[in-house]
Amino acid sequence: MAEDLIIHKGTKAEQYASLIPQIAGLIEGEQDLVANLANVAAALKGQFGWWWVGFYLVKNDELVLGPFQGPVACTRIQKGKGVCGTAWAQAQTTIVPDVDQFPGHIACSSASKSEIVVPVIREGNVVAVLDVDSEHLNYFDTTDQKYLEQIVSLIPFS
């Protein structure tokens, strides 16, 4: 597949429906994890224009910053800390409508107002999380959850 992203307008669900096969095409046949994570983050940022989108990888019992699109970010996050560490500890997607109301929120950027974190689970273990931030309150919902969970399931981790 060519590395051109076709930006689709429409409902959120229609945008995801257009994007998912493009992401599948970008990562098909590519075994390098960093390349795949970078392309997924870039495709999501290109389609939706979110404030920040990227991955944290589980390494030595902490989350370590991986490929992302957006301003500089926190480098390491402990399990159970902040939204990312909580999603990792609970092994479930966490949607936060207002990050200032989330107990223990780690403010990597004061511009971030809402967040969704999707754990990447392989063989029963969280191996990474997809973290998405918006500069708008109440930005993420179960539609984002449904499609972002589908997207992370496409990424080959070995």
C-alpha atoms as a PDB file:
ATOM      1  CA  MET A   1       0.000   0.000   0.000  1.00  0.00           C
ATOM      2  CA  ALA A   2       1.137   3.512  -0.685  1.00  0.00           C
ATOM      3  CA  GLU A   3       1.911   5.502   2.418  1.00  0.00           C
ATOM      4  CA  ASP A   4      -0.719   8.143   1.647  1.00  0.00           C
ATOM      5  CA  LEU A   5      -3.533   8.416   4.148  1.00  0.00           C
ATOM      6  CA  ILE A   6      -6.985   9.142   2.768  1.00  0.00           C
ATOM      7  CA  ILE A   7      -8.722  11.422   5.259  1.00  0.00           C
ATOM      8  CA  HIS A   8     -12.441  10.636   5.430  1.00  0.00           C
ATOM      9  CA  LYS A   9     -15.067  13.096   6.626  1.00  0.00           C
ATOM     10  CA  GLY A  10     -18.299  11.969   8.208  1.00  0.00           C
ATOM     11  CA  THR A  11     -19.382  10.605  11.537  1.00  0.00           C
ATOM     12  CA  LYS A  12     -16.781   9.365  13.964  1.00  0.00           C
ATOM     13  CA  ALA A  13     -17.764   5.752  13.172  1.00  0.00           C
ATOM     14  CA  GLU A  14     -17.464   6.416   9.425  1.00  0.00           C
ATOM     15  CA  GLN A  15     -14.027   7.933   9.915  1.00  0.00           C
ATOM     16  CA  TYR A  16     -12.844   4.899  11.869  1.00  0.00           C
ATOM     17  CA  ALA A  17     -14.408   2.536   9.314  1.00  0.00           C
ATOM     18  CA  SER A  18     -12.404   4.247   6.572  1.00  0.00           C
ATOM     19  CA  LEU A  19      -9.209   4.343   8.616  1.00  0.00           C
ATOM     20  CA  ILE A  20      -9.046   0.755   9.896  1.00  0.00           C
ATOM     21  CA  PRO A  21      -8.408  -0.898   6.490  1.00  0.00           C
ATOM     22  CA  GLN A  22      -5.787   1.754   5.755  1.00  0.00           C
ATOM     23  CA  ILE A  23      -4.013   0.965   9.031  1.00  0.00           C
ATOM     24  CA  ALA A  24      -4.249  -2.754   8.271  1.00  0.00           C
ATOM     25  CA  GLY A  25      -2.609  -2.064   4.905  1.00  0.00           C
ATOM     26  CA  LEU A  26       0.145   0.030   6.479  1.00  0.00           C
ATOM     27  CA  ILE A  27       1.195  -2.678   8.914  1.00  0.00           C
ATOM     28  CA  GLU A  28       0.553  -5.716   6.728  1.00  0.00           C
ATOM     29  CA  GLY A  29       3.772  -7.630   6.244  1.00  0.00           C
ATOM     30  CA  GLU A  30       5.801  -5.277   8.438  1.00  0.00           C
ATOM     31  CA  GLN A  31       7.309  -7.056  11.444  1.00  0.00           C
ATOM     32  CA  ASP A  32       9.103  -4.110  13.022  1.00  0.00           C
ATOM     33  CA  LEU A  33       7.119  -3.002  16.071  1.00  0.00           C
ATOM     34  CA  VAL A  34       8.438   0.565  16.153  1.00  0.00           C
ATOM     35  CA  ALA A  35       7.570   1.103  12.493  1.00  0.00           C
ATOM     36  CA  ASN A  36       4.056  -0.232  13.022  1.00  0.00           C
ATOM     37  CA  LEU A  37       3.405   1.795  16.169  1.00  0.00           C
ATOM     38  CA  ALA A  38       4.735   4.934  14.492  1.00  0.00           C
ATOM     39  CA  ASN A  39       2.464   4.480  11.478  1.00  0.00           C
ATOM     40  CA  VAL A  40      -0.594   3.754  13.618  1.00  0.00           C
ATOM     41  CA  ALA A  41       0.028   6.873  15.722  1.00  0.00           C
ATOM     42  CA  ALA A  42       0.575   8.985  12.594  1.00  0.00           C
ATOM     43  CA  ALA A  43      -2.557   7.629  10.897  1.00  0.00           C
ATOM     44  CA  LEU A  44      -4.700   8.346  13.966  1.00  0.00           C
ATOM     45  CA  LYS A  45      -3.254  11.852  14.358  1.00  0.00           C
ATOM     46  CA  GLY A  46      -3.736  12.527  10.637  1.00  0.00           C
ATOM     47  CA  GLN A  47      -7.353  11.398  10.627  1.00  0.00           C
ATOM     48  CA  PHE A  48      -8.549  12.909  13.873  1.00  0.00           C
ATOM     49  CA  GLY A  49      -6.088  15.724  14.650  1.00  0.00           C
ATOM     50  CA  TRP A  50      -5.944  14.815  18.331  1.00  0.00           C
ATOM     51  CA  TRP A  51      -3.670  16.778  20.660  1.00  0.00           C
ATOM     52  CA  TRP A  52      -1.495  13.734  21.400  1.00  0.00           C
ATOM     53  CA  VAL A  53      -1.591  10.101  20.338  1.00  0.00           C
ATOM     54  CA  GLY A  54       0.982   7.436  20.996  1.00  0.00           C
ATOM     55  CA  PHE A  55       2.092   4.290  22.698  1.00  0.00           C
ATOM     56  CA  TYR A  56       3.717   3.374  25.968  1.00  0.00           C
ATOM     57  CA  LEU A  57       5.408  -0.039  26.070  1.00  0.00           C
ATOM     58  CA  VAL A  58       5.633  -2.259  29.141  1.00  0.00           C
ATOM     59  CA  LYS A  59       9.335  -2.655  29.944  1.00  0.00           C
ATOM     60  CA  ASN A  60      10.816  -3.769  33.267  1.00  0.00           C
ATOM     61  CA  ASP A  61       7.512  -3.307  35.107  1.00  0.00           C
ATOM     62  CA  GLU A  62       6.899   0.274  33.937  1.00  0.00           C
ATOM     63  CA  LEU A  63       5.444   2.000  30.893  1.00  0.00           C
ATOM     64  CA  VAL A  64       8.117   3.518  28.659  1.00  0.00           C
ATOM     65  CA  LEU A  65       7.332   6.090  25.988  1.00  0.00           C
ATOM     66  CA  GLY A  66       7.139   4.656  22.476  1.00  0.00           C
ATOM     67  CA  PRO A  67       6.245   6.143  19.090  1.00  0.00           C
ATOM     68  CA  PHE A  68       3.871   9.100  19.286  1.00  0.00           C
ATOM     69  CA  GLN A  69       2.576  12.200  17.525  1.00  0.00           C
ATOM     70  CA  GLY A  70       2.267  15.456  19.447  1.00  0.00           C
ATOM     71  CA  PRO A  71       4.226  17.523  21.957  1.00  0.00           C
ATOM     72  CA  VAL A  72       6.918  16.006  24.159  1.00  0.00           C
ATOM     73  CA  ALA A  73       5.587  13.533  26.703  1.00  0.00           C
ATOM     74  CA  CYS A  74       6.282  11.844  30.011  1.00  0.00           C
ATOM     75  CA  THR A  75       8.936   9.186  29.481  1.00  0.00           C
ATOM     76  CA  ARG A  76       8.095   6.630  32.173  1.00  0.00           C
ATOM     77  CA  ILE A  77       4.891   5.817  34.049  1.00  0.00           C
ATOM     78  CA  GLN A  78       4.511   3.433  36.968  1.00  0.00           C
ATOM     79  CA  LYS A  79       1.799   0.769  37.077  1.00  0.00           C
ATOM     80  CA  GLY A  80      -1.366   2.145  38.645  1.00  0.00           C
ATOM     81  CA  LYS A  81      -0.261   5.777  38.268  1.00  0.00           C
ATOM     82  CA  GLY A  82      -2.180   8.249  36.130  1.00  0.00           C
ATOM     83  CA  VAL A  83      -4.607   7.246  33.413  1.00  0.00           C
ATOM     84  CA  CYS A  84      -2.080   5.135  31.498  1.00  0.00           C
ATOM     85  CA  GLY A  85      -0.853   3.274  34.561  1.00  0.00           C
ATOM     86  CA  THR A  86      -4.440   2.684  35.702  1.00  0.00           C
ATOM     87  CA  ALA A  87      -5.521   1.269  32.326  1.00  0.00           C
ATOM     88  CA  TRP A  88      -2.467  -1.003  32.446  1.00  0.00           C
ATOM     89  CA  ALA A  89      -3.151  -2.176  36.008  1.00  0.00           C
ATOM     90  CA  GLN A  90      -6.843  -2.827  35.293  1.00  0.00           C
ATOM     91  CA  ALA A  91      -6.211  -4.224  31.795  1.00  0.00           C
ATOM     92  CA  GLN A  92      -9.193  -2.307  30.473  1.00  0.00           C
ATOM     93  CA  THR A  93      -9.858   0.786  28.426  1.00  0.00           C
ATOM     94  CA  THR A  94     -10.161   3.928  30.498  1.00  0.00           C
ATOM     95  CA  ILE A  95     -12.090   6.982  29.264  1.00  0.00           C
ATOM     96  CA  VAL A  96     -11.580  10.207  31.206  1.00  0.00           C
ATOM     97  CA  PRO A  97     -13.930  13.081  30.252  1.00  0.00           C
ATOM     98  CA  ASP A  98     -11.990  15.627  32.376  1.00  0.00           C
ATOM     99  CA  VAL A  99      -8.422  14.758  33.308  1.00  0.00           C
ATOM    100  CA  ASP A 100      -8.405  17.358  36.093  1.00  0.00           C
ATOM    101  CA  GLN A 101     -11.031  15.232  37.878  1.00  0.00           C
ATOM    102  CA  PHE A 102      -9.043  11.978  37.585  1.00  0.00           C
ATOM    103  CA  PRO A 103      -7.335  11.108  40.888  1.00  0.00           C
ATOM    104  CA  GLY A 104      -3.575  10.971  40.398  1.00  0.00           C
ATOM    105  CA  HIS A 105      -3.643  12.288  36.825  1.00  0.00           C
ATOM    106  CA  ILE A 106      -0.126  12.837  35.495  1.00  0.00           C
ATOM    107  CA  ALA A 107      -0.142  16.168  33.691  1.00  0.00           C
ATOM    108  CA  CYS A 108       2.382  15.663  30.899  1.00  0.00           C
ATOM    109  CA  SER A 109       0.727  18.638  29.165  1.00  0.00           C
ATOM    110  CA  SER A 110      -1.564  21.246  30.695  1.00  0.00           C
ATOM    111  CA  ALA A 111      -3.358  21.481  27.330  1.00  0.00           C
ATOM    112  CA  SER A 112      -4.759  17.960  27.687  1.00  0.00           C
ATOM    113  CA  LYS A 113      -8.374  18.033  28.895  1.00  0.00           C
ATOM    114  CA  SER A 114      -9.717  14.540  28.170  1.00  0.00           C
ATOM    115  CA  GLU A 115      -8.115  11.178  27.509  1.00  0.00           C
ATOM    116  CA  ILE A 116      -8.673   7.585  26.455  1.00  0.00           C
ATOM    117  CA  VAL A 117      -6.175   4.818  27.144  1.00  0.00           C
ATOM    118  CA  VAL A 118      -6.510   1.421  25.471  1.00  0.00           C
ATOM    119  CA  PRO A 119      -4.414  -1.476  26.744  1.00  0.00           C
ATOM    120  CA  VAL A 120      -2.781  -3.737  24.165  1.00  0.00           C
ATOM    121  CA  ILE A 121      -3.280  -7.260  25.481  1.00  0.00           C
ATOM    122  CA  ARG A 122      -1.476 -10.289  24.115  1.00  0.00           C
ATOM    123  CA  GLU A 123      -1.745 -13.778  25.643  1.00  0.00           C
ATOM    124  CA  GLY A 124      -3.511 -12.320  28.675  1.00  0.00           C
ATOM    125  CA  ASN A 125      -0.838  -9.704  29.417  1.00  0.00           C
ATOM    126  CA  VAL A 126      -0.800  -5.961  28.799  1.00  0.00           C
ATOM    127  CA  VAL A 127       2.236  -5.321  26.575  1.00  0.00           C
ATOM    128  CA  ALA A 128       1.552  -1.662  25.799  1.00  0.00           C
ATOM    129  CA  VAL A 129      -1.084   1.042  25.971  1.00  0.00           C
ATOM    130  CA  LEU A 130      -2.398   3.397  23.326  1.00  0.00           C
ATOM    131  CA  ASP A 131      -2.821   6.838  24.884  1.00  0.00           C
ATOM    132  CA  VAL A 132      -4.898   9.557  23.189  1.00  0.00           C
ATOM    133  CA  ASP A 133      -5.368  13.067  24.557  1.00  0.00           C
ATOM    134  CA  SER A 134      -7.647  15.884  23.428  1.00  0.00           C
ATOM    135  CA  GLU A 135      -7.538  19.549  24.280  1.00  0.00           C
ATOM    136  CA  HIS A 136     -11.350  19.396  24.596  1.00  0.00           C
ATOM    137  CA  LEU A 137     -13.398  18.135  27.539  1.00  0.00           C
ATOM    138  CA  ASN A 138     -15.626  15.053  27.113  1.00  0.00           C
ATOM    139  CA  TYR A 139     -14.084  14.241  23.741  1.00  0.00           C
ATOM    140  CA  PHE A 140     -13.883  10.437  23.864  1.00  0.00           C
ATOM    141  CA  ASP A 141     -16.697   7.905  24.113  1.00  0.00           C
ATOM    142  CA  THR A 142     -17.552   4.257  23.587  1.00  0.00           C
ATOM    143  CA  THR A 143     -17.322   4.699  19.806  1.00  0.00           C
ATOM    144  CA  ASP A 144     -13.652   5.595  20.210  1.00  0.00           C
ATOM    145  CA  GLN A 145     -13.227   2.680  22.599  1.00  0.00           C
ATOM    146  CA  LYS A 146     -14.763   0.183  20.166  1.00  0.00           C
ATOM    147  CA  TYR A 147     -12.658   1.210  17.189  1.00  0.00           C
ATOM    148  CA  LEU A 148      -9.395   1.894  19.022  1.00  0.00           C
ATOM    149  CA  GLU A 149      -9.612  -1.564  20.585  1.00  0.00           C
ATOM    150  CA  GLN A 150     -10.013  -2.979  17.064  1.00  0.00           C
ATOM    151  CA  ILE A 151      -7.018  -0.992  15.851  1.00  0.00           C
ATOM    152  CA  VAL A 152      -4.664  -2.154  18.614  1.00  0.00           C
ATOM    153  CA  SER A 153      -5.744  -5.740  17.980  1.00  0.00           C
ATOM    154  CA  LEU A 154      -4.297  -5.443  14.449  1.00  0.00           C
ATOM    155  CA  ILE A 155      -0.772  -4.630  15.613  1.00  0.00           C
ATOM    156  CA  PRO A 156       1.566  -7.639  15.649  1.00  0.00           C
ATOM    157  CA  PHE A 157       3.539  -7.861  18.907  1.00  0.00           C
ATOM    158  CA  SER A 158       6.118 -10.596  19.219  1.00  0.00           C
END
